[in-house]
Amino acid sequence: MAERGDFAALLRAWRERLQPAAVGFPAGNRRTSGLRREEVALLAGVSVDYLVRLEQGRADRPSVQVVASLARVLQLSDLERDQLHLAAGLPAPLPTAVPTLIPASVQRLLARLPDVAVGVWTAHWTLLTANAAWRSLLGEISPGTNLVLAHFAGREPEVVWADGDRERHERALVSDLRTALIRYPDDPAVQAVLAQCQSFDRFQQLWAEGTVVEHRFQSKTFVHPLVGQVTLDCDVFTAIGTDLRIVAYTAEPGTEDASRFDLIRTLGTVEVARG
């Protein structure tokens, strides 16, 4: 757990970092860099004495409102804001919406892995983008398609499931949707997916059970319209700081499945059976 000294040190460092011009104050003749305590206190709506005690680690735990106000005044990034809350002994504030921004590094990953089928999904499993190999394997899937809804509606690409894998896949999807709802309770997109999924009995059953299941490495056998069955390894990665899901399908080198996957990528996008 973070100590009060962490909070005091961060508060001082970020106050001294922020230049007066950034908040509309004249620079003038200042003995120290950054904002004065009086200026921060004025903008944050707290007393100078209380701010001094916070910076000296002598004040009791500040309220959520005070920490949020200080983070706003000091123009902290989201990560810095979270650190300030945690250092104050408070939980980091919940984001209001599921992240959808794909970092440039992830976009480069898609472009530089032509031999891997890669799809990028949100925390509640809505597709953001996919590379050409993905579309060749699974057909044209429009960005905005939700995997949880597609699965329970019977619109997923055809998969030959091994014993127990289908149930685990379903439970993991439901668990992820619940996590997204807890993490982003005010996001209407998450609420809309949940509302639509509630029309399916199987989803209702798994949702009511509340079992927490994580995605893990597994093999999947797809039925492709031109080459038949092809078994690929499926890995799910998370891009740190984004809450995105990166799904990658690869074939073991030197196998017949690898040859079939090569042919699939060569043939390009075709209509793939779903359900």
Protein backbone atom coordinates (compact mmCIF):
# COMPACT_ATOMS: atom_id res chain seq x y z
CA MET A 1 0.00 0.00 0.00
CA ALA A 2 1.27 3.50 -0.77
CA GLU A 3 2.37 5.62 2.20
CA ARG A 4 1.30 9.19 2.89
CA GLY A 5 4.86 10.28 2.11
CA ASP A 6 4.34 9.10 -1.45
CA PHE A 7 1.30 11.32 -1.77
CA ALA A 8 3.11 14.32 -0.27
CA ALA A 9 6.15 13.87 -2.53
CA LEU A 10 4.03 13.47 -5.67
CA LEU A 11 1.94 16.51 -4.80
CA ARG A 12 5.03 18.69 -4.33
CA ALA A 13 6.76 17.38 -7.45
CA TRP A 14 3.75 17.90 -9.71
CA ARG A 15 3.02 21.36 -8.25
CA GLU A 16 6.60 22.44 -8.91
CA ARG A 17 6.47 20.98 -12.42
CA LEU A 18 3.43 22.95 -13.60
CA GLN A 19 4.31 26.35 -15.03
CA PRO A 20 2.17 29.38 -14.06
CA ALA A 21 1.35 30.20 -17.68
CA ALA A 22 -0.35 26.81 -18.05
CA VAL A 23 -3.09 27.94 -15.65
CA GLY A 24 -3.19 31.62 -16.61
CA PHE A 25 -0.92 33.09 -13.90
CA PRO A 26 1.95 35.47 -14.73
CA ALA A 27 5.42 34.06 -14.24
CA GLY A 28 6.75 37.11 -12.37
CA ASN A 29 9.72 36.81 -10.05
CA ARG A 30 9.50 33.42 -8.36
CA ARG A 31 11.95 31.87 -5.95
CA THR A 32 10.88 28.36 -6.95
CA SER A 33 9.76 26.78 -10.19
CA GLY A 34 6.16 25.87 -10.79
CA LEU A 35 3.06 27.03 -8.99
CA ARG A 36 2.94 28.48 -5.51
CA ARG A 37 0.95 26.65 -2.85
CA GLU A 38 -1.41 29.62 -2.65
CA GLU A 39 -2.19 29.31 -6.35
CA VAL A 40 -2.88 25.57 -6.20
CA ALA A 41 -5.05 26.01 -3.11
CA LEU A 42 -7.06 28.75 -4.83
CA LEU A 43 -7.66 26.71 -7.96
CA ALA A 44 -8.43 23.49 -6.07
CA GLY A 45 -10.80 25.11 -3.57
CA VAL A 46 -8.86 24.13 -0.44
CA SER A 47 -7.13 26.19 2.21
CA VAL A 48 -3.43 26.95 1.98
CA ASP A 49 -2.92 25.48 5.45
CA TYR A 50 -4.54 22.20 4.39
CA LEU A 51 -2.40 22.02 1.23
CA VAL A 52 0.73 22.61 3.31
CA ARG A 53 -0.25 19.78 5.65
CA LEU A 54 -0.90 17.49 2.67
CA GLU A 55 2.53 18.26 1.20
CA GLN A 56 4.15 17.62 4.58
CA GLY A 57 2.29 14.37 5.12
CA ARG A 58 0.58 15.68 8.25
CA ALA A 59 -3.04 15.70 7.06
CA ASP A 60 -5.49 12.83 7.38
CA ARG A 61 -6.42 10.93 4.26
CA PRO A 62 -7.83 13.44 1.74
CA SER A 63 -11.26 12.90 0.25
CA VAL A 64 -11.93 11.69 -3.27
CA GLN A 65 -13.19 15.16 -4.15
CA VAL A 66 -9.99 16.85 -2.95
CA VAL A 67 -7.69 14.44 -4.78
CA ALA A 68 -9.73 14.74 -7.98
CA SER A 69 -9.60 18.52 -7.74
CA LEU A 70 -5.83 18.52 -7.20
CA ALA A 71 -5.35 16.16 -10.16
CA ARG A 72 -7.40 18.50 -12.35
CA VAL A 73 -5.54 21.63 -11.22
CA LEU A 74 -2.14 20.01 -11.67
CA GLN A 75 -3.16 18.82 -15.15
CA LEU A 76 -2.15 15.22 -14.49
CA SER A 77 -2.30 12.49 -17.09
CA ASP A 78 -4.69 9.60 -16.48
CA LEU A 79 -1.84 7.43 -15.17
CA GLU A 80 -0.58 10.19 -12.87
CA ARG A 81 -4.13 10.82 -11.63
CA ASP A 82 -4.47 7.14 -10.77
CA GLN A 83 -1.13 7.19 -8.95
CA LEU A 84 -2.20 10.21 -6.90
CA HIS A 85 -5.41 8.46 -5.85
CA LEU A 86 -3.58 5.27 -4.92
CA ALA A 87 -0.93 7.20 -2.97
CA ALA A 88 -3.76 8.85 -1.02
CA GLY A 89 -5.12 5.41 -0.10
CA LEU A 90 -8.04 5.73 -2.51
CA PRO A 91 -9.04 3.51 -5.43
CA ALA A 92 -8.19 4.83 -8.86
CA PRO A 93 -11.27 6.38 -10.51
CA LEU A 94 -13.14 4.20 -12.96
CA PRO A 95 -12.93 5.26 -16.61
CA THR A 96 -16.24 6.20 -18.15
CA ALA A 97 -15.88 4.36 -21.46
CA VAL A 98 -14.23 1.25 -22.87
CA PRO A 99 -10.92 2.24 -24.53
CA THR A 100 -11.03 2.03 -28.32
CA LEU A 101 -7.81 3.81 -29.28
CA ILE A 102 -5.34 1.45 -30.96
CA PRO A 103 -1.74 2.51 -30.21
CA ALA A 104 0.59 2.96 -33.16
CA SER A 105 2.71 0.06 -31.87
CA VAL A 106 -0.27 -2.31 -32.14
CA GLN A 107 -1.08 -1.05 -35.61
CA ARG A 108 2.51 -1.76 -36.66
CA LEU A 109 2.17 -5.23 -35.18
CA LEU A 110 -0.77 -5.96 -37.49
CA ALA A 111 1.11 -4.67 -40.52
CA ARG A 112 4.30 -6.62 -39.80
CA LEU A 113 2.78 -10.03 -39.04
CA PRO A 114 1.28 -11.08 -42.38
CA ASP A 115 1.68 -14.77 -41.49
CA VAL A 116 -0.39 -14.41 -38.32
CA ALA A 117 -4.15 -13.83 -38.20
CA VAL A 118 -4.54 -10.91 -35.78
CA GLY A 119 -7.69 -9.20 -34.53
CA VAL A 120 -7.88 -6.33 -32.05
CA TRP A 121 -10.89 -6.22 -29.71
CA THR A 122 -12.17 -4.02 -26.92
CA ALA A 123 -12.50 -5.17 -23.32
CA HIS A 124 -16.10 -6.25 -24.00
CA TRP A 125 -15.11 -8.04 -27.23
CA THR A 126 -16.14 -5.60 -29.94
CA LEU A 127 -13.89 -5.80 -33.01
CA LEU A 128 -11.80 -2.71 -33.74
CA THR A 129 -9.67 -3.98 -36.61
CA ALA A 130 -8.12 -7.12 -38.12
CA ASN A 131 -5.39 -7.85 -40.64
CA ALA A 132 -5.68 -9.53 -44.03
CA ALA A 133 -4.75 -12.98 -42.68
CA TRP A 134 -7.63 -12.77 -40.19
CA ARG A 135 -10.12 -11.90 -42.92
CA SER A 136 -8.83 -14.72 -45.12
CA LEU A 137 -9.29 -17.22 -42.30
CA LEU A 138 -12.57 -16.03 -40.81
CA GLY A 139 -14.21 -14.06 -43.58
CA GLU A 140 -15.14 -10.42 -43.66
CA ILE A 141 -16.06 -9.33 -40.13
CA SER A 142 -17.02 -5.68 -39.85
CA PRO A 143 -15.49 -3.52 -37.13
CA GLY A 144 -18.12 -3.04 -34.44
CA THR A 145 -19.09 -6.73 -34.44
CA ASN A 146 -19.37 -7.99 -30.87
CA LEU A 147 -17.98 -11.48 -30.30
CA VAL A 148 -20.10 -12.24 -27.23
CA LEU A 149 -23.31 -11.38 -29.04
CA ALA A 150 -22.20 -13.15 -32.22
CA HIS A 151 -21.40 -16.35 -30.32
CA PHE A 152 -24.69 -16.66 -28.47
CA ALA A 153 -26.62 -15.62 -31.58
CA GLY A 154 -24.92 -18.40 -33.58
CA ARG A 155 -23.08 -16.03 -35.93
CA GLU A 156 -19.49 -17.01 -35.13
CA PRO A 157 -17.34 -18.77 -37.77
CA GLU A 158 -17.82 -22.54 -37.62
CA VAL A 159 -15.52 -24.20 -35.10
CA VAL A 160 -15.02 -27.89 -34.31
CA TRP A 161 -14.76 -27.77 -30.52
CA ALA A 162 -12.77 -30.26 -28.45
CA ASP A 163 -14.39 -31.68 -25.30
CA GLY A 164 -15.08 -28.89 -22.81
CA ASP A 165 -13.57 -26.12 -24.93
CA ARG A 166 -16.85 -24.65 -26.10
CA GLU A 167 -18.18 -24.33 -22.55
CA ARG A 168 -14.94 -22.78 -21.33
CA HIS A 169 -14.99 -20.33 -24.26
CA GLU A 170 -18.56 -19.31 -23.42
CA ARG A 171 -17.82 -18.87 -19.74
CA ALA A 172 -14.75 -16.78 -20.51
CA LEU A 173 -16.76 -14.49 -22.81
CA VAL A 174 -19.47 -14.00 -20.19
CA SER A 175 -16.86 -13.41 -17.50
CA ASP A 176 -15.13 -10.79 -19.67
CA LEU A 177 -18.40 -8.98 -20.32
CA ARG A 178 -19.14 -8.86 -16.60
CA THR A 179 -15.65 -7.49 -15.93
CA ALA A 180 -16.17 -4.80 -18.57
CA LEU A 181 -19.51 -3.86 -17.00
CA ILE A 182 -17.88 -3.53 -13.58
CA ARG A 183 -14.95 -1.54 -14.95
CA TYR A 184 -17.00 0.67 -17.28
CA PRO A 185 -20.49 0.78 -15.70
CA ASP A 186 -21.50 3.98 -17.50
CA ASP A 187 -20.51 2.92 -21.01
CA PRO A 188 -23.72 2.60 -23.06
CA ALA A 189 -22.00 0.26 -25.54
CA VAL A 190 -21.35 -2.32 -22.81
CA GLN A 191 -24.89 -1.95 -21.49
CA ALA A 192 -26.30 -2.42 -24.99
CA VAL A 193 -24.38 -5.66 -25.57
CA LEU A 194 -25.53 -7.01 -22.21
CA ALA A 195 -29.16 -6.12 -22.96
CA GLN A 196 -29.05 -7.94 -26.31
CA CYS A 197 -27.31 -11.00 -24.87
CA GLN A 198 -29.96 -11.32 -22.17
CA SER A 199 -32.37 -12.56 -24.84
CA PHE A 200 -30.43 -15.84 -25.09
CA ASP A 201 -31.21 -18.55 -22.54
CA ARG A 202 -27.68 -19.95 -22.51
CA PHE A 203 -26.22 -16.53 -21.80
CA GLN A 204 -28.73 -15.91 -19.02
CA GLN A 205 -27.77 -19.22 -17.42
CA LEU A 206 -24.03 -18.48 -17.46
CA TRP A 207 -24.54 -14.88 -16.36
CA ALA A 208 -26.58 -16.02 -13.36
CA GLU A 209 -23.89 -18.53 -12.34
CA GLY A 210 -21.27 -15.77 -12.12
CA THR A 211 -18.32 -18.09 -12.74
CA VAL A 212 -15.03 -16.28 -13.39
CA VAL A 213 -13.02 -17.86 -16.23
CA GLU A 214 -9.92 -16.46 -17.92
CA HIS A 215 -8.91 -17.01 -21.52
CA ARG A 216 -5.96 -19.34 -21.90
CA PHE A 217 -3.93 -20.80 -24.71
CA GLN A 218 -5.89 -23.29 -26.77
CA SER A 219 -6.09 -24.79 -30.24
CA LYS A 220 -9.10 -24.15 -32.45
CA THR A 221 -10.23 -26.10 -35.48
CA PHE A 222 -12.00 -23.93 -38.06
CA VAL A 223 -13.97 -25.19 -41.05
CA HIS A 224 -12.82 -23.17 -44.05
CA PRO A 225 -14.96 -23.35 -47.22
CA LEU A 226 -11.98 -23.98 -49.53
CA VAL A 227 -9.46 -26.03 -47.54
CA GLY A 228 -11.70 -27.74 -44.99
CA GLN A 229 -10.60 -28.12 -41.38
CA VAL A 230 -7.54 -26.23 -40.19
CA THR A 231 -6.29 -26.34 -36.58
CA LEU A 232 -4.51 -23.26 -35.27
CA ASP A 233 -3.11 -22.12 -31.95
CA CYS A 234 -5.04 -19.25 -30.38
CA ASP A 235 -3.39 -16.76 -28.03
CA VAL A 236 -5.00 -13.73 -26.38
CA PHE A 237 -2.73 -10.84 -25.42
CA THR A 238 -3.40 -7.55 -23.67
CA ALA A 239 -1.66 -4.33 -24.67
CA ILE A 240 -0.50 -2.79 -21.40
CA GLY A 241 -2.33 0.41 -20.54
CA THR A 242 -5.00 -0.01 -23.22
CA ASP A 243 -7.31 -2.80 -21.98
CA LEU A 244 -7.45 -4.06 -25.57
CA ARG A 245 -7.55 -7.76 -26.47
CA ILE A 246 -5.20 -8.91 -29.24
CA VAL A 247 -6.13 -12.34 -30.58
CA ALA A 248 -3.58 -14.18 -32.71
CA TYR A 249 -3.95 -17.43 -34.67
CA THR A 250 -0.80 -19.26 -35.74
CA ALA A 251 0.03 -22.68 -37.20
CA GLU A 252 2.78 -24.99 -36.03
CA PRO A 253 5.55 -24.81 -38.69
CA GLY A 254 6.00 -27.81 -40.93
CA THR A 255 2.53 -29.24 -40.35
CA GLU A 256 -0.31 -29.83 -42.79
CA ASP A 257 -2.25 -27.15 -40.92
CA ALA A 258 0.55 -24.69 -41.66
CA SER A 259 0.31 -25.54 -45.37
CA ARG A 260 -3.46 -25.07 -45.29
CA PHE A 261 -3.09 -21.77 -43.48
CA ASP A 262 -0.58 -20.62 -46.13
CA LEU A 263 -3.11 -21.52 -48.84
CA ILE A 264 -5.90 -19.69 -46.99
CA ARG A 265 -3.84 -16.49 -46.85
CA THR A 266 -2.95 -16.83 -50.53
CA LEU A 267 -6.59 -17.29 -51.57
CA GLY A 268 -7.69 -14.19 -49.69
CA THR A 269 -11.08 -13.35 -48.22
CA VAL A 270 -13.95 -15.71 -48.99
CA GLU A 271 -17.43 -16.20 -47.57
CA VAL A 272 -17.14 -18.26 -44.39
CA ALA A 273 -20.01 -20.29 -42.93
CA ARG A 274 -21.20 -19.14 -39.51
CA GLY A 275 -23.11 -20.82 -36.77
